Amino acid sequence: MTYFYNKKVGQARSMAFNAFVANPYTWEVFFTGTATGVEGIKSSSNWEGLELALQLPYRANQEQYVDFSSWLQECLAEPNMQELIQTYFDLKLKLPITPFGTLRTSLVEQLYGLKI
C-alpha cells in the first residue's frame, strides 16, 4: 500500500504479487473479509495460512483504502498478473505429487522465480 500511495505503481504491482505469493488468501480476505481454502494446496508455513490472512485488519471497504482497493482490483485482473497467479497455483499443485529429483528441483526454481 505504501508504494501505491507514494505513486510508485511498478513497485506496488510487484509487492501486490509478492503479497499474494506469501499468502494466497491475503487479497481475498482484503476484498471479501473471508476466504476458502484451495483444494490440494497446503500452507508450507504459518505465514501462508488462511488463519493469518483472516487476522489482517485491512479491508477494501475501509474508507482509507478505497483508492488502493480500486487499483488493486485492476492490477490483479491484468492478463500478465492472471497468468502469473495461474502459474503459481499450477506449480503449487504439482509440487506435492512430484518425486524428488531434477523435475521437482525445476518446479521449485520456477515457483520461486515468479516475478511480475
N, C-alpha and C. Protein backbone atom coordinates (compact mmCIF):
# COMPACT_ATOMS: atom_id res chain seq x y z
N MET A 1 0.82 -1.19 0.00
CA MET A 1 0.00 0.00 0.00
C MET A 1 0.86 1.25 0.00
N THR A 2 1.97 1.18 0.72
CA THR A 2 2.84 2.35 0.80
C THR A 2 3.35 2.76 -0.56
N TYR A 3 3.78 1.79 -1.37
CA TYR A 3 4.26 2.12 -2.71
C TYR A 3 3.15 2.76 -3.54
N PHE A 4 1.95 2.23 -3.44
CA PHE A 4 0.82 2.79 -4.19
C PHE A 4 0.59 4.24 -3.80
N TYR A 5 0.50 4.50 -2.50
CA TYR A 5 0.21 5.86 -2.05
C TYR A 5 1.37 6.83 -2.29
N ASN A 6 2.58 6.29 -2.52
CA ASN A 6 3.72 7.13 -2.87
C ASN A 6 3.94 7.20 -4.38
N LYS A 7 2.93 6.75 -5.12
CA LYS A 7 2.92 6.81 -6.58
C LYS A 7 4.05 6.02 -7.24
N LYS A 8 4.45 4.94 -6.61
CA LYS A 8 5.44 4.03 -7.17
C LYS A 8 4.70 2.76 -7.60
N VAL A 9 3.94 2.91 -8.69
CA VAL A 9 2.99 1.89 -9.12
C VAL A 9 3.68 0.59 -9.53
N GLY A 10 4.81 0.68 -10.20
CA GLY A 10 5.54 -0.52 -10.60
C GLY A 10 5.94 -1.35 -9.40
N GLN A 11 6.47 -0.68 -8.38
CA GLN A 11 6.84 -1.38 -7.15
C GLN A 11 5.60 -1.88 -6.42
N ALA A 12 4.53 -1.12 -6.47
CA ALA A 12 3.28 -1.55 -5.83
C ALA A 12 2.75 -2.82 -6.48
N ARG A 13 2.83 -2.89 -7.80
CA ARG A 13 2.38 -4.08 -8.55
C ARG A 13 3.21 -5.30 -8.14
N SER A 14 4.50 -5.11 -8.07
CA SER A 14 5.40 -6.19 -7.66
C SER A 14 5.09 -6.65 -6.24
N MET A 15 4.87 -5.70 -5.35
CA MET A 15 4.57 -6.05 -3.95
C MET A 15 3.21 -6.72 -3.83
N ALA A 16 2.26 -6.34 -4.67
CA ALA A 16 0.95 -7.00 -4.66
C ALA A 16 1.10 -8.47 -5.01
N PHE A 17 1.93 -8.77 -6.01
CA PHE A 17 2.16 -10.17 -6.36
C PHE A 17 2.94 -10.88 -5.26
N ASN A 18 3.94 -10.22 -4.69
CA ASN A 18 4.70 -10.82 -3.59
C ASN A 18 3.81 -11.13 -2.39
N ALA A 19 2.87 -10.24 -2.11
CA ALA A 19 1.93 -10.48 -1.00
C ALA A 19 1.06 -11.69 -1.30
N PHE A 20 0.64 -11.82 -2.55
CA PHE A 20 -0.16 -12.99 -2.94
C PHE A 20 0.65 -14.27 -2.75
N VAL A 21 1.89 -14.27 -3.22
CA VAL A 21 2.73 -15.46 -3.10
C VAL A 21 3.01 -15.79 -1.63
N ALA A 22 3.22 -14.77 -0.82
CA ALA A 22 3.47 -15.01 0.61
C ALA A 22 2.27 -15.63 1.30
N ASN A 23 1.08 -15.22 0.90
CA ASN A 23 -0.14 -15.78 1.47
C ASN A 23 -1.26 -15.59 0.45
N PRO A 24 -1.58 -16.66 -0.31
CA PRO A 24 -2.57 -16.55 -1.38
C PRO A 24 -3.96 -16.09 -0.93
N TYR A 25 -4.22 -16.11 0.35
CA TYR A 25 -5.53 -15.70 0.86
C TYR A 25 -5.62 -14.21 1.17
N THR A 26 -4.48 -13.53 1.19
CA THR A 26 -4.43 -12.14 1.63
C THR A 26 -5.43 -11.26 0.90
N TRP A 27 -5.41 -11.29 -0.43
CA TRP A 27 -6.26 -10.36 -1.18
C TRP A 27 -7.72 -10.78 -1.15
N GLU A 28 -8.00 -12.07 -1.10
CA GLU A 28 -9.40 -12.50 -0.99
C GLU A 28 -10.00 -11.99 0.32
N VAL A 29 -9.24 -12.10 1.39
CA VAL A 29 -9.71 -11.59 2.69
C VAL A 29 -9.82 -10.07 2.65
N PHE A 30 -8.87 -9.41 2.01
CA PHE A 30 -8.91 -7.95 1.90
C PHE A 30 -10.20 -7.50 1.22
N PHE A 31 -10.58 -8.18 0.14
CA PHE A 31 -11.76 -7.77 -0.62
C PHE A 31 -13.08 -8.26 -0.03
N THR A 32 -13.10 -9.44 0.56
CA THR A 32 -14.37 -10.03 0.99
C THR A 32 -14.51 -10.21 2.49
N GLY A 33 -13.41 -10.17 3.22
CA GLY A 33 -13.46 -10.41 4.66
C GLY A 33 -13.41 -11.88 5.02
N THR A 34 -13.40 -12.74 4.02
CA THR A 34 -13.34 -14.18 4.26
C THR A 34 -12.60 -14.83 3.10
N ALA A 35 -12.33 -16.10 3.23
CA ALA A 35 -11.67 -16.85 2.15
C ALA A 35 -11.90 -18.33 2.38
N THR A 36 -11.82 -19.09 1.32
CA THR A 36 -11.93 -20.53 1.43
C THR A 36 -10.62 -21.15 0.98
N GLY A 37 -10.27 -22.26 1.59
CA GLY A 37 -9.04 -22.94 1.25
C GLY A 37 -9.08 -23.44 -0.18
N VAL A 38 -7.89 -23.58 -0.77
CA VAL A 38 -7.77 -24.09 -2.13
C VAL A 38 -7.46 -25.58 -2.03
N GLU A 39 -8.33 -26.40 -2.60
CA GLU A 39 -8.15 -27.84 -2.51
C GLU A 39 -6.83 -28.25 -3.16
N GLY A 40 -6.08 -29.06 -2.45
CA GLY A 40 -4.81 -29.56 -2.98
C GLY A 40 -3.61 -28.71 -2.62
N ILE A 41 -3.85 -27.55 -2.06
CA ILE A 41 -2.73 -26.68 -1.69
C ILE A 41 -2.72 -26.51 -0.18
N LYS A 42 -1.60 -26.92 0.40
CA LYS A 42 -1.43 -26.80 1.85
C LYS A 42 -0.40 -25.73 2.14
N SER A 43 -0.61 -25.01 3.20
CA SER A 43 0.34 -23.98 3.61
C SER A 43 1.65 -24.64 4.00
N SER A 44 2.75 -24.05 3.58
CA SER A 44 4.04 -24.60 3.96
C SER A 44 4.64 -23.87 5.17
N SER A 45 3.95 -22.85 5.64
CA SER A 45 4.39 -22.14 6.84
C SER A 45 3.19 -21.43 7.46
N ASN A 46 3.39 -20.94 8.65
CA ASN A 46 2.32 -20.19 9.33
C ASN A 46 1.97 -18.91 8.58
N TRP A 47 2.91 -18.38 7.80
CA TRP A 47 2.68 -17.12 7.10
C TRP A 47 1.76 -17.29 5.91
N GLU A 48 1.59 -18.52 5.40
CA GLU A 48 0.78 -18.76 4.22
C GLU A 48 -0.65 -19.14 4.55
N GLY A 49 -0.96 -19.31 5.79
CA GLY A 49 -2.25 -19.87 6.16
C GLY A 49 -3.43 -18.92 6.09
N LEU A 50 -4.58 -19.53 5.91
CA LEU A 50 -5.84 -18.80 5.90
C LEU A 50 -6.08 -18.10 7.23
N GLU A 51 -5.69 -18.76 8.32
CA GLU A 51 -5.92 -18.19 9.65
C GLU A 51 -5.23 -16.84 9.81
N LEU A 52 -4.00 -16.74 9.30
CA LEU A 52 -3.27 -15.48 9.40
C LEU A 52 -3.94 -14.40 8.56
N ALA A 53 -4.33 -14.75 7.36
CA ALA A 53 -4.99 -13.77 6.48
C ALA A 53 -6.26 -13.23 7.12
N LEU A 54 -7.00 -14.09 7.79
CA LEU A 54 -8.25 -13.65 8.42
C LEU A 54 -8.01 -12.67 9.57
N GLN A 55 -6.80 -12.65 10.12
CA GLN A 55 -6.48 -11.74 11.21
C GLN A 55 -6.05 -10.35 10.74
N LEU A 56 -5.79 -10.22 9.44
CA LEU A 56 -5.35 -8.92 8.94
C LEU A 56 -6.45 -7.87 9.12
N PRO A 57 -6.10 -6.69 9.60
CA PRO A 57 -7.12 -5.67 9.91
C PRO A 57 -7.58 -4.85 8.71
N TYR A 58 -6.91 -4.99 7.57
CA TYR A 58 -7.22 -4.15 6.41
C TYR A 58 -8.35 -4.76 5.59
N ARG A 59 -9.29 -3.92 5.14
CA ARG A 59 -10.39 -4.37 4.28
C ARG A 59 -10.63 -3.32 3.20
N ALA A 60 -11.00 -3.79 2.03
CA ALA A 60 -11.20 -2.92 0.87
C ALA A 60 -12.28 -1.87 1.11
N ASN A 61 -13.23 -2.18 1.95
CA ASN A 61 -14.34 -1.25 2.17
C ASN A 61 -14.02 -0.18 3.22
N GLN A 62 -12.84 -0.21 3.80
CA GLN A 62 -12.45 0.84 4.74
C GLN A 62 -12.12 2.10 3.94
N GLU A 63 -12.63 3.21 4.40
CA GLU A 63 -12.53 4.46 3.64
C GLU A 63 -11.11 4.80 3.20
N GLN A 64 -10.13 4.58 4.05
CA GLN A 64 -8.75 4.96 3.71
C GLN A 64 -8.12 4.06 2.66
N TYR A 65 -8.78 2.93 2.30
CA TYR A 65 -8.20 2.00 1.32
C TYR A 65 -9.01 1.91 0.03
N VAL A 66 -9.98 2.76 -0.16
CA VAL A 66 -10.84 2.69 -1.35
C VAL A 66 -10.03 2.88 -2.64
N ASP A 67 -9.15 3.88 -2.69
CA ASP A 67 -8.34 4.10 -3.90
C ASP A 67 -7.42 2.91 -4.16
N PHE A 68 -6.76 2.45 -3.11
CA PHE A 68 -5.87 1.30 -3.25
C PHE A 68 -6.65 0.07 -3.70
N SER A 69 -7.81 -0.13 -3.13
CA SER A 69 -8.65 -1.28 -3.47
C SER A 69 -9.04 -1.27 -4.95
N SER A 70 -9.43 -0.12 -5.44
CA SER A 70 -9.81 0.01 -6.85
C SER A 70 -8.62 -0.31 -7.75
N TRP A 71 -7.47 0.26 -7.44
CA TRP A 71 -6.26 -0.01 -8.22
C TRP A 71 -5.89 -1.48 -8.15
N LEU A 72 -5.95 -2.07 -6.96
CA LEU A 72 -5.56 -3.46 -6.78
C LEU A 72 -6.46 -4.41 -7.58
N GLN A 73 -7.75 -4.13 -7.61
CA GLN A 73 -8.65 -4.96 -8.42
C GLN A 73 -8.23 -4.95 -9.88
N GLU A 74 -7.90 -3.77 -10.39
CA GLU A 74 -7.45 -3.67 -11.78
C GLU A 74 -6.11 -4.39 -11.97
N CYS A 75 -5.22 -4.21 -11.03
CA CYS A 75 -3.90 -4.83 -11.10
C CYS A 75 -4.01 -6.36 -11.13
N LEU A 76 -4.81 -6.92 -10.24
CA LEU A 76 -4.95 -8.37 -10.16
C LEU A 76 -5.67 -8.95 -11.38
N ALA A 77 -6.44 -8.12 -12.08
CA ALA A 77 -7.17 -8.58 -13.26
C ALA A 77 -6.35 -8.48 -14.55
N GLU A 78 -5.19 -7.83 -14.49
CA GLU A 78 -4.35 -7.70 -15.69
C GLU A 78 -3.96 -9.09 -16.19
N PRO A 79 -3.93 -9.28 -17.51
CA PRO A 79 -3.60 -10.60 -18.06
C PRO A 79 -2.27 -11.18 -17.57
N ASN A 80 -1.23 -10.34 -17.49
CA ASN A 80 0.06 -10.88 -17.03
C ASN A 80 0.01 -11.30 -15.57
N MET A 81 -0.76 -10.58 -14.76
CA MET A 81 -0.90 -10.96 -13.34
C MET A 81 -1.71 -12.25 -13.24
N GLN A 82 -2.78 -12.36 -14.02
CA GLN A 82 -3.58 -13.58 -14.01
C GLN A 82 -2.75 -14.79 -14.44
N GLU A 83 -1.91 -14.60 -15.43
CA GLU A 83 -1.04 -15.69 -15.89
C GLU A 83 -0.06 -16.12 -14.79
N LEU A 84 0.52 -15.14 -14.11
CA LEU A 84 1.43 -15.46 -13.00
C LEU A 84 0.72 -16.19 -11.88
N ILE A 85 -0.48 -15.74 -11.54
CA ILE A 85 -1.24 -16.38 -10.47
C ILE A 85 -1.60 -17.81 -10.86
N GLN A 86 -2.00 -18.02 -12.11
CA GLN A 86 -2.31 -19.37 -12.57
C GLN A 86 -1.08 -20.26 -12.55
N THR A 87 0.05 -19.73 -12.97
CA THR A 87 1.31 -20.48 -12.93
C THR A 87 1.65 -20.85 -11.50
N TYR A 88 1.47 -19.91 -10.58
CA TYR A 88 1.73 -20.17 -9.16
C TYR A 88 0.90 -21.36 -8.68
N PHE A 89 -0.41 -21.33 -8.95
CA PHE A 89 -1.27 -22.42 -8.50
C PHE A 89 -0.91 -23.73 -9.18
N ASP A 90 -0.60 -23.69 -10.46
CA ASP A 90 -0.20 -24.91 -11.17
C ASP A 90 1.03 -25.54 -10.51
N LEU A 91 2.02 -24.72 -10.24
CA LEU A 91 3.25 -25.22 -9.61
C LEU A 91 2.99 -25.75 -8.21
N LYS A 92 2.18 -25.02 -7.43
CA LYS A 92 1.87 -25.46 -6.06
C LYS A 92 1.13 -26.79 -6.05
N LEU A 93 0.31 -27.04 -7.07
CA LEU A 93 -0.42 -28.30 -7.16
C LEU A 93 0.48 -29.44 -7.63
N LYS A 94 1.44 -29.15 -8.47
CA LYS A 94 2.34 -30.18 -8.99
C LYS A 94 3.39 -30.61 -7.97
N LEU A 95 3.88 -29.68 -7.17
CA LEU A 95 4.98 -29.99 -6.26
C LEU A 95 4.71 -31.15 -5.31
N PRO A 96 3.56 -31.21 -4.65
CA PRO A 96 3.35 -32.31 -3.69
C PRO A 96 3.31 -33.70 -4.33
N ILE A 97 3.03 -33.78 -5.61
CA ILE A 97 2.92 -35.09 -6.25
C ILE A 97 4.12 -35.41 -7.14
N THR A 98 5.11 -34.53 -7.15
CA THR A 98 6.31 -34.74 -7.96
C THR A 98 7.41 -35.32 -7.07
N PRO A 99 7.94 -36.50 -7.47
CA PRO A 99 9.01 -37.10 -6.66
C PRO A 99 10.27 -36.24 -6.67
N PHE A 100 11.08 -36.41 -5.64
CA PHE A 100 12.34 -35.67 -5.56
C PHE A 100 13.21 -36.03 -6.75
N GLY A 101 13.86 -35.03 -7.28
CA GLY A 101 14.72 -35.22 -8.44
C GLY A 101 14.82 -33.95 -9.25
N THR A 102 15.29 -34.08 -10.47
CA THR A 102 15.53 -32.88 -11.29
C THR A 102 14.24 -32.16 -11.67
N LEU A 103 13.17 -32.91 -11.93
CA LEU A 103 11.90 -32.25 -12.28
C LEU A 103 11.38 -31.43 -11.11
N ARG A 104 11.42 -32.01 -9.91
CA ARG A 104 10.94 -31.27 -8.73
C ARG A 104 11.80 -30.03 -8.49
N THR A 105 13.11 -30.19 -8.65
CA THR A 105 14.01 -29.04 -8.48
C THR A 105 13.66 -27.95 -9.47
N SER A 106 13.36 -28.33 -10.69
CA SER A 106 12.97 -27.35 -11.71
C SER A 106 11.67 -26.65 -11.33
N LEU A 107 10.70 -27.40 -10.82
CA LEU A 107 9.42 -26.80 -10.40
C LEU A 107 9.63 -25.80 -9.27
N VAL A 108 10.47 -26.17 -8.31
CA VAL A 108 10.76 -25.27 -7.17
C VAL A 108 11.43 -24.00 -7.69
N GLU A 109 12.39 -24.14 -8.59
CA GLU A 109 13.06 -22.97 -9.15
C GLU A 109 12.08 -22.07 -9.90
N GLN A 110 11.16 -22.70 -10.65
CA GLN A 110 10.15 -21.91 -11.35
C GLN A 110 9.25 -21.16 -10.37
N LEU A 111 8.83 -21.87 -9.31
CA LEU A 111 7.94 -21.26 -8.33
C LEU A 111 8.60 -20.04 -7.67
N TYR A 112 9.84 -20.21 -7.22
CA TYR A 112 10.49 -19.12 -6.52
C TYR A 112 11.08 -18.08 -7.46
N GLY A 113 11.01 -18.34 -8.78
CA GLY A 113 11.47 -17.37 -9.74
C GLY A 113 10.37 -16.51 -10.32
N LEU A 114 9.13 -16.76 -9.91
CA LEU A 114 8.00 -15.98 -10.42
C LEU A 114 8.12 -14.52 -10.00
N LYS A 115 8.06 -13.64 -10.98
CA LYS A 115 8.14 -12.20 -10.71
C LYS A 115 7.26 -11.47 -11.71
N ILE A 116 6.75 -10.35 -11.29
CA ILE A 116 5.94 -9.51 -12.18
C ILE A 116 6.82 -8.50 -12.87
